[in-house]
Amino acid sequence: MSITLGDVVAALERLYPSSGAQSWDQVGLVTGDLAQPVRRVHAAVDPTLAVIAEARELGADLLLTHHPLLLRGIHSVATTTAKGESVTSLVVGDVALYVAHTNADVADPGVNTALAQACGLTRWGPLSVEEGQPLGLVGDLDDAMDLATFARDLAGRLPAAAGGVRVAGPPDAAVRRVALLGGSGDGLFDAVRASGADVYVTADLRHHPALEAREEARGGTPYLVDAGHWATESLWLERATRDLLRVLQEHGHDTTTVETHVSTLRTDPWTFTVGATGPEGAPQ
């Protein structure tokens, strides 16, 4: 008996309950018929036009993404806009779209636990709590290391992106306690300071919040590591597809009928970087 979209949605809800999403978020099924069979699942961070085209070329029945396609209201799905063309392409191509966003961030395993492992952590706890859900994680490395080594090790575990990994702090500073939040995280500096973290790993750090955080630190901790939005969240995809098959199997489904794929497209919007400097301050 073939696995239906309804079966897959139920499994995803067990892994990433929609009740765990923040109140502003838009998660769950966006397009698709719960009765349609699912034989191929394609996973990506962003439901871009290129990713949707990739899913269609692979013959995917379901596209699982982290970021929502329709986070804000739209009034037309005409192909004159990118959003409209995306929806039309999904529907015409008979590709269902399911979004697991902040509900996947707070899950264990989820987006942030994948980033924690990339940081070298083996144990962690919540960094903060918002709307009753853990926001970010904090934990200790088994052994302290200098900030430059920590950043290089993390960069080696992340997929390559044009922006690389930006660091604020002395390269030789010792770090052991790590706070982290996949994606945009410059709203959690108070929680990071309260956690006693030596370094904060996140993304999308804006000039003024980051500068003010470093000023408050008076040159000390917490140091900052901006590892990129797409890169910090893409680590979750492989685990998500494995966990989906596991949960389907645990509930009596024959998962040999389902293939899973992770997108090979880099949906980080930046293409290249010019003039970046290394830990010693010299151009790389």
Protein backbone atom coordinates (compact mmCIF):
# COMPACT_ATOMS: atom_id res chain seq x y z
CA MET A 1 0.00 0.00 0.00
CA SER A 2 1.52 3.34 -1.05
CA ILE A 3 2.37 6.01 1.47
CA THR A 4 0.16 9.06 1.11
CA LEU A 5 0.87 12.71 1.72
CA GLY A 6 -1.42 12.44 4.74
CA ASP A 7 0.84 9.71 6.17
CA VAL A 8 3.92 11.87 5.64
CA VAL A 9 2.30 14.97 7.13
CA ALA A 10 1.34 12.94 10.21
CA ALA A 11 4.94 11.75 10.58
CA LEU A 12 6.29 15.29 10.18
CA GLU A 13 3.82 16.52 12.78
CA ARG A 14 5.19 13.92 15.20
CA LEU A 15 8.74 15.07 14.54
CA TYR A 16 8.03 18.80 14.42
CA PRO A 17 4.67 19.55 16.06
CA SER A 18 3.13 22.70 14.63
CA SER A 19 2.31 23.69 18.21
CA GLY A 20 6.04 24.33 18.66
CA ALA A 21 6.09 27.10 16.06
CA GLN A 22 6.26 30.73 17.12
CA SER A 23 2.97 32.64 16.86
CA TRP A 24 4.18 34.75 13.91
CA ASP A 25 5.29 31.73 11.88
CA GLN A 26 3.53 29.91 9.01
CA VAL A 27 4.27 26.19 9.02
CA GLY A 28 2.68 23.00 7.75
CA LEU A 29 1.22 21.96 4.40
CA VAL A 30 1.18 24.73 1.77
CA THR A 31 0.21 22.82 -1.38
CA GLY A 32 -0.86 19.26 -2.05
CA ASP A 33 -3.66 16.72 -1.62
CA LEU A 34 -3.45 14.54 1.50
CA ALA A 35 -4.63 11.57 -0.56
CA GLN A 36 -1.87 11.79 -3.17
CA PRO A 37 0.87 9.12 -3.05
CA VAL A 38 4.39 10.12 -2.00
CA ARG A 39 7.28 8.22 -3.58
CA ARG A 40 9.96 10.90 -3.59
CA VAL A 41 10.67 13.57 -0.96
CA HIS A 42 13.02 16.46 -1.73
CA ALA A 43 14.39 18.59 1.14
CA ALA A 44 15.83 22.12 1.04
CA VAL A 45 16.26 25.18 3.21
CA ASP A 46 14.42 27.57 0.87
CA PRO A 47 11.52 27.00 -1.57
CA THR A 48 13.11 29.08 -4.32
CA LEU A 49 12.13 28.81 -7.96
CA ALA A 50 15.35 26.89 -8.66
CA VAL A 51 14.69 24.45 -5.80
CA ILE A 52 11.12 23.88 -7.01
CA ALA A 53 12.44 23.25 -10.53
CA GLU A 54 14.98 20.81 -9.07
CA ALA A 55 12.20 18.98 -7.21
CA ARG A 56 10.12 18.72 -10.36
CA GLU A 57 13.09 17.45 -12.39
CA LEU A 58 13.67 14.73 -9.78
CA GLY A 59 10.02 13.74 -9.92
CA ALA A 60 9.45 14.64 -6.28
CA ASP A 61 5.95 14.36 -4.88
CA LEU A 62 6.80 16.42 -1.80
CA LEU A 63 9.17 19.32 -1.20
CA LEU A 64 10.08 19.69 2.48
CA THR A 65 11.60 23.08 3.30
CA HIS A 66 12.70 24.92 6.41
CA HIS A 67 11.72 28.42 5.35
CA PRO A 68 8.11 29.30 4.52
CA LEU A 69 7.08 30.27 1.02
CA LEU A 70 4.11 32.36 2.18
CA LEU A 71 5.16 33.91 5.48
CA ARG A 72 3.37 37.17 4.64
CA GLY A 73 0.02 37.56 2.94
CA ILE A 74 -0.19 37.71 -0.84
CA HIS A 75 -3.19 38.55 -3.02
CA SER A 76 -2.28 36.83 -6.28
CA VAL A 77 -0.50 33.71 -7.46
CA ALA A 78 -0.10 34.96 -11.01
CA THR A 79 3.27 34.11 -12.51
CA THR A 80 4.06 37.83 -12.82
CA THR A 81 5.64 37.57 -9.33
CA ALA A 82 8.17 35.07 -8.03
CA LYS A 83 5.80 33.95 -5.26
CA GLY A 84 3.01 33.41 -7.76
CA GLU A 85 5.28 31.52 -10.13
CA SER A 86 6.47 29.35 -7.22
CA VAL A 87 2.93 28.38 -6.22
CA THR A 88 1.91 27.79 -9.83
CA SER A 89 4.97 25.64 -10.49
CA LEU A 90 4.26 23.52 -7.42
CA VAL A 91 0.62 23.01 -8.34
CA VAL A 92 1.21 22.39 -12.05
CA GLY A 93 4.05 20.03 -11.22
CA ASP A 94 1.91 18.17 -8.65
CA VAL A 95 4.53 18.81 -5.96
CA ALA A 96 3.26 19.21 -2.42
CA LEU A 97 5.09 21.71 -0.18
CA TYR A 98 5.47 21.27 3.56
CA VAL A 99 7.24 23.78 5.83
CA ALA A 100 8.88 23.03 9.18
CA HIS A 101 10.38 26.30 10.41
CA THR A 102 10.53 27.45 14.04
CA ASN A 103 8.91 24.14 15.06
CA ALA A 104 11.97 22.41 13.56
CA ASP A 105 14.29 24.90 15.28
CA VAL A 106 13.03 23.86 18.73
CA ALA A 107 12.79 20.12 18.02
CA ASP A 108 15.30 17.62 19.41
CA PRO A 109 16.69 16.51 17.04
CA GLY A 110 16.19 19.60 14.96
CA VAL A 111 17.89 22.55 13.34
CA ASN A 112 19.69 23.82 16.44
CA THR A 113 20.81 20.40 17.67
CA ALA A 114 22.42 19.81 14.25
CA LEU A 115 24.28 23.12 14.64
CA ALA A 116 25.27 22.22 18.21
CA GLN A 117 26.89 19.02 16.97
CA ALA A 118 28.73 20.98 14.25
CA CYS A 119 30.06 23.27 16.99
CA GLY A 120 31.50 20.23 18.77
CA LEU A 121 28.96 20.08 21.60
CA THR A 122 27.76 16.77 23.00
CA ARG A 123 25.47 18.18 25.71
CA TRP A 124 23.33 21.29 25.72
CA GLY A 125 20.31 23.05 27.20
CA PRO A 126 18.00 25.90 26.17
CA LEU A 127 19.54 29.33 25.70
CA SER A 128 16.22 31.12 26.17
CA VAL A 129 12.50 30.38 26.25
CA GLU A 130 9.92 32.23 24.17
CA GLU A 131 6.22 31.38 24.00
CA GLY A 132 6.96 28.30 26.06
CA GLN A 133 9.51 26.94 23.58
CA PRO A 134 13.31 26.71 23.84
CA LEU A 135 15.04 29.28 21.67
CA GLY A 136 18.66 28.48 20.90
CA LEU A 137 21.00 26.19 22.82
CA VAL A 138 24.01 26.55 25.10
CA GLY A 139 26.59 23.98 26.20
CA ASP A 140 30.26 23.33 26.91
CA LEU A 141 32.98 21.90 24.69
CA ASP A 142 34.82 18.93 26.16
CA ASP A 143 38.04 20.95 25.98
CA ALA A 144 38.70 24.66 25.59
CA MET A 145 40.26 25.89 22.35
CA ASP A 146 41.21 29.21 20.86
CA LEU A 147 38.60 31.20 18.97
CA ALA A 148 40.35 30.91 15.60
CA THR A 149 40.54 27.12 15.85
CA PHE A 150 36.90 26.92 16.92
CA ALA A 151 35.82 29.05 13.94
CA ARG A 152 37.96 27.07 11.48
CA ASP A 153 36.61 23.75 12.78
CA LEU A 154 33.04 24.99 12.49
CA ALA A 155 33.64 26.31 8.97
CA GLY A 156 34.95 22.88 8.00
CA ARG A 157 31.71 21.24 9.15
CA LEU A 158 29.42 23.73 7.43
CA PRO A 159 28.61 23.76 3.71
CA ALA A 160 30.68 26.36 1.88
CA ALA A 161 29.05 29.73 1.30
CA ALA A 162 30.32 32.98 -0.20
CA GLY A 163 30.26 34.85 3.10
CA GLY A 164 32.28 32.22 4.95
CA VAL A 165 32.36 32.57 8.74
CA ARG A 166 32.77 36.06 10.26
CA VAL A 167 34.31 36.32 13.72
CA ALA A 168 34.46 39.11 16.30
CA GLY A 169 37.07 38.55 19.00
CA PRO A 170 40.80 37.89 19.49
CA PRO A 171 41.90 34.82 17.48
CA ASP A 172 43.85 33.43 20.47
CA ALA A 173 41.04 33.91 23.02
CA ALA A 174 40.03 30.72 24.84
CA VAL A 175 36.47 29.48 24.33
CA ARG A 176 34.63 26.60 25.95
CA ARG A 177 31.02 27.60 26.61
CA VAL A 178 29.09 27.97 23.35
CA ALA A 179 25.69 29.59 22.79
CA LEU A 180 24.03 29.16 19.41
CA LEU A 181 20.98 29.86 17.33
CA GLY A 182 20.61 28.77 13.72
CA GLY A 183 19.51 31.58 11.42
CA SER A 184 19.02 35.19 12.56
CA GLY A 185 20.07 35.63 16.17
CA ASP A 186 20.97 39.20 17.08
CA GLY A 187 17.89 39.52 19.29
CA LEU A 188 19.25 37.16 21.93
CA PHE A 189 22.31 39.00 23.21
CA ASP A 190 20.86 39.41 26.72
CA ALA A 191 20.28 35.65 26.97
CA VAL A 192 23.76 34.96 25.61
CA ARG A 193 25.36 37.19 28.25
CA ALA A 194 23.24 35.62 30.99
CA SER A 195 24.33 32.13 29.88
CA GLY A 196 28.00 32.89 30.48
CA ALA A 197 28.89 31.82 26.94
CA ASP A 198 32.38 32.50 25.66
CA VAL A 199 31.18 32.55 22.06
CA TYR A 200 27.85 33.00 20.31
CA VAL A 201 27.28 31.21 16.98
CA THR A 202 24.42 32.49 14.87
CA ALA A 203 23.83 34.41 11.61
CA ASP A 204 22.64 37.68 10.09
CA LEU A 205 24.40 39.81 12.71
CA ARG A 206 23.73 43.46 11.87
CA HIS A 207 26.31 46.18 12.37
CA HIS A 208 24.79 48.07 15.29
CA PRO A 209 23.59 45.14 17.46
CA ALA A 210 26.91 43.32 16.93
CA LEU A 211 28.99 46.43 17.63
CA GLU A 212 27.00 47.22 20.75
CA ALA A 213 27.40 43.63 21.97
CA ARG A 214 31.16 43.87 21.55
CA GLU A 215 31.20 47.25 23.31
CA GLU A 216 29.26 45.81 26.25
CA ALA A 217 31.79 42.96 26.40
CA ARG A 218 34.66 45.48 26.69
CA GLY A 219 36.72 43.24 24.43
CA GLY A 220 35.90 40.08 26.39
CA THR A 221 33.20 37.45 26.10
CA PRO A 222 30.93 36.66 24.43
CA TYR A 223 32.81 36.62 21.15
CA LEU A 224 30.68 36.43 18.02
CA VAL A 225 30.63 33.98 15.13
CA ASP A 226 28.34 34.77 12.20
CA ALA A 227 28.28 31.50 10.27
CA GLY A 228 25.60 32.36 7.71
CA HIS A 229 21.84 31.81 7.71
CA TRP A 230 21.62 29.16 5.00
CA ALA A 231 24.74 27.31 6.17
CA THR A 232 23.72 27.05 9.83
CA GLU A 233 20.27 25.70 8.95
CA SER A 234 21.13 23.38 6.05
CA LEU A 235 22.83 20.88 8.38
CA TRP A 236 19.38 19.72 9.53
CA LEU A 237 18.18 18.42 6.17
CA GLU A 238 19.96 15.04 6.07
CA ARG A 239 18.81 14.18 9.58
CA ALA A 240 15.26 15.33 8.83
CA THR A 241 14.89 12.96 5.87
CA ARG A 242 16.31 10.05 7.87
CA ASP A 243 13.99 10.76 10.80
CA LEU A 244 11.00 11.02 8.48
CA LEU A 245 11.62 7.52 7.11
CA ARG A 246 12.19 6.20 10.64
CA VAL A 247 8.90 7.56 11.96
CA LEU A 248 6.99 6.27 8.93
CA GLN A 249 8.50 2.82 9.48
CA GLU A 250 7.71 2.90 13.20
CA HIS A 251 4.06 3.46 12.30
CA GLY A 252 3.85 0.44 10.03
CA HIS A 253 4.62 1.93 6.62
CA ASP A 254 6.82 0.27 4.00
CA THR A 255 9.47 2.93 3.49
CA THR A 256 11.16 1.00 0.67
CA THR A 257 8.62 2.73 -1.58
CA VAL A 258 9.92 6.22 -0.66
CA GLU A 259 13.12 7.91 -1.85
CA THR A 260 14.56 10.98 -0.17
CA HIS A 261 16.84 13.63 -1.63
CA VAL A 262 18.54 16.72 -0.21
CA SER A 263 18.89 19.69 -2.52
CA THR A 264 22.32 20.28 -4.01
CA LEU A 265 21.54 23.96 -4.62
CA ARG A 266 23.09 26.66 -2.44
CA THR A 267 20.26 29.09 -1.73
CA ASP A 268 22.45 31.52 0.17
CA PRO A 269 21.76 34.76 -1.75
CA TRP A 270 25.42 35.85 -1.89
CA THR A 271 27.60 34.76 -4.80
CA PHE A 272 31.15 35.78 -3.89
CA THR A 273 33.20 37.84 -1.42
CA VAL A 274 36.03 40.24 -2.20
CA GLY A 275 38.66 41.54 0.22
CA ALA A 276 37.90 39.39 3.29
CA THR A 277 40.62 39.24 5.98
CA GLY A 278 41.82 36.24 7.98
CA PRO A 279 42.51 35.93 11.72
CA GLU A 280 45.82 37.77 11.33
CA GLY A 281 44.11 40.72 9.62
CA ALA A 282 45.64 40.07 6.21
CA PRO A 283 43.54 39.55 3.05
CA GLN A 284 42.77 35.89 2.36
